[in-house]
Amino acid sequence: MDIVVVGKHAEVDSKLRAHTVDKVERVNKFASDVRRIEVDYEHHPTRRAEDSHTCEILVHVRQHLVKGTAAATEYVIALDRSLDKVEQQMRRLHERRVGRKNGTRSRGARVAGTGAEEELAESESVGESGLVVKTKQFDVKPMDVGEAALQMELLSHDFYLFTNAASGVAAVIYRRRDGQLGLIEATD
């Protein structure tokens, strides 16, 4: 398992790096197939002190991507908060996997989804109309609607783009204002 610790607009000293590695290694207890953990620290000097230091943790598990983000007055506090979010999502993922192995669906697991598989490219730009501020590219893998909903929930997004395994066409699952899920499929 690779652990990558980087700082955006911030220096990550060796003490913080060692503390981060020690903390995030405990994610392995939820899944044995964790391939990579990325921890991004960012300092926002223009924000108020309560949320000027952010920590984003991205855990690459086989066929899943789990994300947790938090802000605080210090990096260590932000790390603890984001790690709590990641651990909660990893527990849900573990319960769902165990339920599938036993031939049942885990009860109480809220199915909702957004997410993206591993991002291949990300760039920020402003289009001529001034509307596009960020562009992402990633692999769109075939999966069923339930798996796409789980990915969306694990990434804490409001929508998820995927290829529907049943129909073979591009689809988007999204969270409606009433909390339910909606599905948009491309036509042939």
Protein backbone atom coordinates (compact mmCIF):
# COMPACT_ATOMS: atom_id res chain seq x y z
CA MET A 1 0.00 0.00 0.00
CA ASP A 2 1.30 3.42 -0.98
CA ILE A 3 0.71 6.44 1.25
CA VAL A 4 1.23 9.80 -0.44
CA VAL A 5 1.22 12.98 1.67
CA VAL A 6 1.33 16.31 -0.18
CA GLY A 7 0.72 19.94 0.65
CA LYS A 8 -0.99 22.49 -1.58
CA HIS A 9 0.09 26.01 -0.69
CA ALA A 10 1.60 24.53 2.47
CA GLU A 11 4.73 22.83 3.77
CA VAL A 12 4.32 19.35 5.21
CA ASP A 13 7.13 18.84 7.69
CA SER A 14 8.51 15.41 8.61
CA LYS A 15 6.70 15.37 11.98
CA LEU A 16 3.29 15.95 10.35
CA ARG A 17 4.12 13.43 7.58
CA ALA A 18 5.04 10.72 10.13
CA HIS A 19 1.91 11.46 12.20
CA THR A 20 -0.23 11.26 9.05
CA VAL A 21 1.24 7.92 7.96
CA ASP A 22 0.68 6.44 11.44
CA LYS A 23 -2.94 7.59 11.50
CA VAL A 24 -4.00 6.54 7.98
CA GLU A 25 -2.45 3.08 8.21
CA ARG A 26 -5.36 2.03 10.41
CA VAL A 27 -7.65 2.17 7.35
CA ASN A 28 -6.24 -1.27 6.46
CA LYS A 29 -8.36 -2.88 9.19
CA PHE A 30 -11.50 -2.29 7.09
CA ALA A 31 -10.23 -3.68 3.78
CA SER A 32 -7.26 -5.80 2.81
CA ASP A 33 -7.25 -4.51 -0.78
CA VAL A 34 -6.33 -0.87 -0.12
CA ARG A 35 -3.88 0.03 -2.89
CA ARG A 36 -3.12 3.69 -2.25
CA ILE A 37 -3.97 6.45 0.20
CA GLU A 38 -3.53 10.08 -0.82
CA VAL A 39 -3.55 12.80 1.85
CA ASP A 40 -3.66 16.41 0.64
CA TYR A 41 -3.14 19.26 3.07
CA GLU A 42 -4.09 22.75 1.98
CA HIS A 43 -3.82 26.12 3.67
CA HIS A 44 -6.31 28.87 2.81
CA PRO A 45 -4.96 32.11 4.30
CA THR A 46 -8.00 34.10 3.15
CA ARG A 47 -10.51 31.98 5.07
CA ARG A 48 -11.44 32.49 8.69
CA ALA A 49 -9.22 30.70 11.21
CA GLU A 50 -11.74 27.92 11.98
CA ASP A 51 -11.44 26.41 8.50
CA SER A 52 -8.16 27.71 7.11
CA HIS A 53 -6.43 24.29 7.17
CA THR A 54 -8.01 21.47 5.16
CA CYS A 55 -7.20 17.80 4.84
CA GLU A 56 -8.51 15.57 2.06
CA ILE A 57 -8.01 11.81 2.21
CA LEU A 58 -8.55 9.65 -0.86
CA VAL A 59 -8.44 5.86 -0.39
CA HIS A 60 -8.10 3.71 -3.49
CA VAL A 61 -9.69 0.33 -2.79
CA ARG A 62 -10.15 -2.24 -5.53
CA GLN A 63 -13.09 -0.96 -7.63
CA HIS A 64 -13.90 1.78 -5.11
CA LEU A 65 -12.73 5.25 -4.22
CA VAL A 66 -13.42 6.56 -0.70
CA LYS A 67 -13.01 10.26 0.09
CA GLY A 68 -13.12 12.36 3.25
CA THR A 69 -12.51 16.09 3.58
CA ALA A 70 -12.48 18.32 6.66
CA ALA A 71 -11.33 21.79 7.68
CA ALA A 72 -10.04 23.02 11.03
CA THR A 73 -7.68 25.46 12.73
CA GLU A 74 -4.74 23.00 12.50
CA TYR A 75 -3.76 20.20 10.15
CA VAL A 76 -3.81 17.55 12.89
CA ILE A 77 -7.42 18.34 13.79
CA ALA A 78 -8.43 18.38 10.12
CA LEU A 79 -6.69 14.99 9.66
CA ASP A 80 -8.65 13.46 12.55
CA ARG A 81 -11.96 14.80 11.26
CA SER A 82 -11.41 13.64 7.67
CA LEU A 83 -10.13 10.25 8.88
CA ASP A 84 -13.34 9.82 10.90
CA LYS A 85 -15.35 10.37 7.71
CA VAL A 86 -13.20 7.92 5.75
CA GLU A 87 -13.46 5.26 8.46
CA GLN A 88 -17.23 5.61 8.57
CA GLN A 89 -17.43 5.10 4.80
CA MET A 90 -14.95 2.21 4.93
CA ARG A 91 -17.12 0.54 7.61
CA ARG A 92 -20.17 0.88 5.34
CA LEU A 93 -18.23 -0.55 2.42
CA HIS A 94 -16.99 -3.45 4.57
CA GLU A 95 -20.53 -4.22 5.80
CA ARG A 96 -21.81 -4.18 2.25
CA ARG A 97 -19.06 -6.51 1.06
CA VAL A 98 -19.63 -8.95 3.95
CA GLY A 99 -23.37 -8.91 3.24
CA ARG A 100 -22.76 -9.78 -0.40
CA LYS A 101 -20.47 -12.68 0.50
CA ASN A 102 -23.21 -14.14 2.68
CA GLY A 103 -25.77 -13.76 -0.10
CA THR A 104 -27.73 -11.00 1.58
CA ARG A 105 -27.84 -7.25 1.38
CA SER A 106 -26.74 -5.50 4.52
CA ARG A 107 -29.68 -3.90 6.27
CA GLY A 108 -29.59 -0.26 7.14
CA ALA A 109 -27.06 0.49 4.42
CA ARG A 110 -28.28 3.62 2.72
CA VAL A 111 -27.77 3.29 -1.00
CA ALA A 112 -26.93 6.52 -2.69
CA GLY A 113 -24.19 7.25 -5.06
CA THR A 114 -21.79 9.60 -6.65
CA GLY A 115 -18.26 9.21 -7.48
CA ALA A 116 -15.65 8.67 -10.02
CA GLU A 117 -13.20 5.92 -10.55
CA GLU A 118 -9.57 6.88 -10.49
CA GLU A 119 -9.15 10.26 -12.03
CA LEU A 120 -6.82 10.28 -14.99
CA ALA A 121 -6.56 13.98 -15.52
CA GLU A 122 -7.78 17.11 -13.83
CA SER A 123 -7.36 20.67 -14.96
CA GLU A 124 -8.73 24.04 -14.00
CA SER A 125 -9.61 26.58 -16.65
CA VAL A 126 -12.12 29.26 -17.47
CA GLY A 127 -14.02 28.84 -20.71
CA GLU A 128 -14.86 31.67 -23.07
CA SER A 129 -18.30 31.98 -21.48
CA GLY A 130 -16.75 31.92 -17.98
CA LEU A 131 -18.85 28.91 -16.91
CA VAL A 132 -16.35 26.03 -16.91
CA VAL A 133 -13.91 26.35 -14.03
CA LYS A 134 -12.74 22.76 -13.62
CA THR A 135 -12.47 19.78 -15.96
CA LYS A 136 -11.95 16.15 -14.88
CA GLN A 137 -11.35 13.03 -16.92
CA PHE A 138 -11.60 9.51 -15.54
CA ASP A 139 -12.23 5.91 -16.56
CA VAL A 140 -15.93 5.13 -16.88
CA LYS A 141 -16.35 1.47 -15.96
CA PRO A 142 -19.38 -0.75 -16.55
CA MET A 143 -21.37 -1.39 -13.36
CA ASP A 144 -24.92 -1.86 -12.21
CA VAL A 145 -27.02 0.97 -10.81
CA GLY A 146 -26.61 -0.19 -7.20
CA GLU A 147 -22.82 -0.18 -7.46
CA ALA A 148 -22.90 3.31 -9.02
CA ALA A 149 -25.09 4.50 -6.15
CA LEU A 150 -22.60 3.11 -3.63
CA GLN A 151 -19.71 4.85 -5.42
CA MET A 152 -21.63 8.13 -5.36
CA GLU A 153 -22.20 7.79 -1.61
CA LEU A 154 -18.58 6.84 -0.88
CA LEU A 155 -17.36 9.96 -2.68
CA SER A 156 -20.01 12.19 -1.08
CA HIS A 157 -21.07 13.56 -4.45
CA ASP A 158 -24.52 14.43 -5.75
CA PHE A 159 -24.10 12.59 -9.05
CA TYR A 160 -22.04 9.80 -10.62
CA LEU A 161 -21.26 9.06 -14.27
CA PHE A 162 -20.93 5.38 -15.24
CA THR A 163 -21.60 2.88 -17.99
CA ASN A 164 -24.71 0.85 -17.20
CA ALA A 165 -23.68 -2.82 -17.37
CA ALA A 166 -27.25 -3.90 -18.18
CA SER A 167 -27.76 -1.62 -21.18
CA GLY A 168 -24.16 -0.76 -22.12
CA VAL A 169 -24.88 2.96 -22.44
CA ALA A 170 -23.60 5.98 -20.52
CA ALA A 171 -25.70 6.88 -17.49
CA VAL A 172 -25.74 9.38 -14.63
CA ILE A 173 -27.21 8.62 -11.23
CA TYR A 174 -28.01 11.70 -9.16
CA ARG A 175 -29.55 12.73 -5.86
CA ARG A 176 -32.85 14.57 -6.22
CA ARG A 177 -33.91 17.41 -3.93
CA ASP A 178 -36.29 15.06 -2.11
CA GLY A 179 -33.35 12.77 -1.22
CA GLN A 180 -34.31 10.02 -3.66
CA LEU A 181 -32.10 8.93 -6.56
CA GLY A 182 -32.65 9.64 -10.23
CA LEU A 183 -31.12 7.99 -13.30
CA ILE A 184 -30.40 9.54 -16.69
CA GLU A 185 -29.40 7.20 -19.51
CA ALA A 186 -28.13 8.06 -22.97
CA THR A 187 -30.12 6.76 -25.92
CA ASP A 188 -28.51 4.73 -28.66
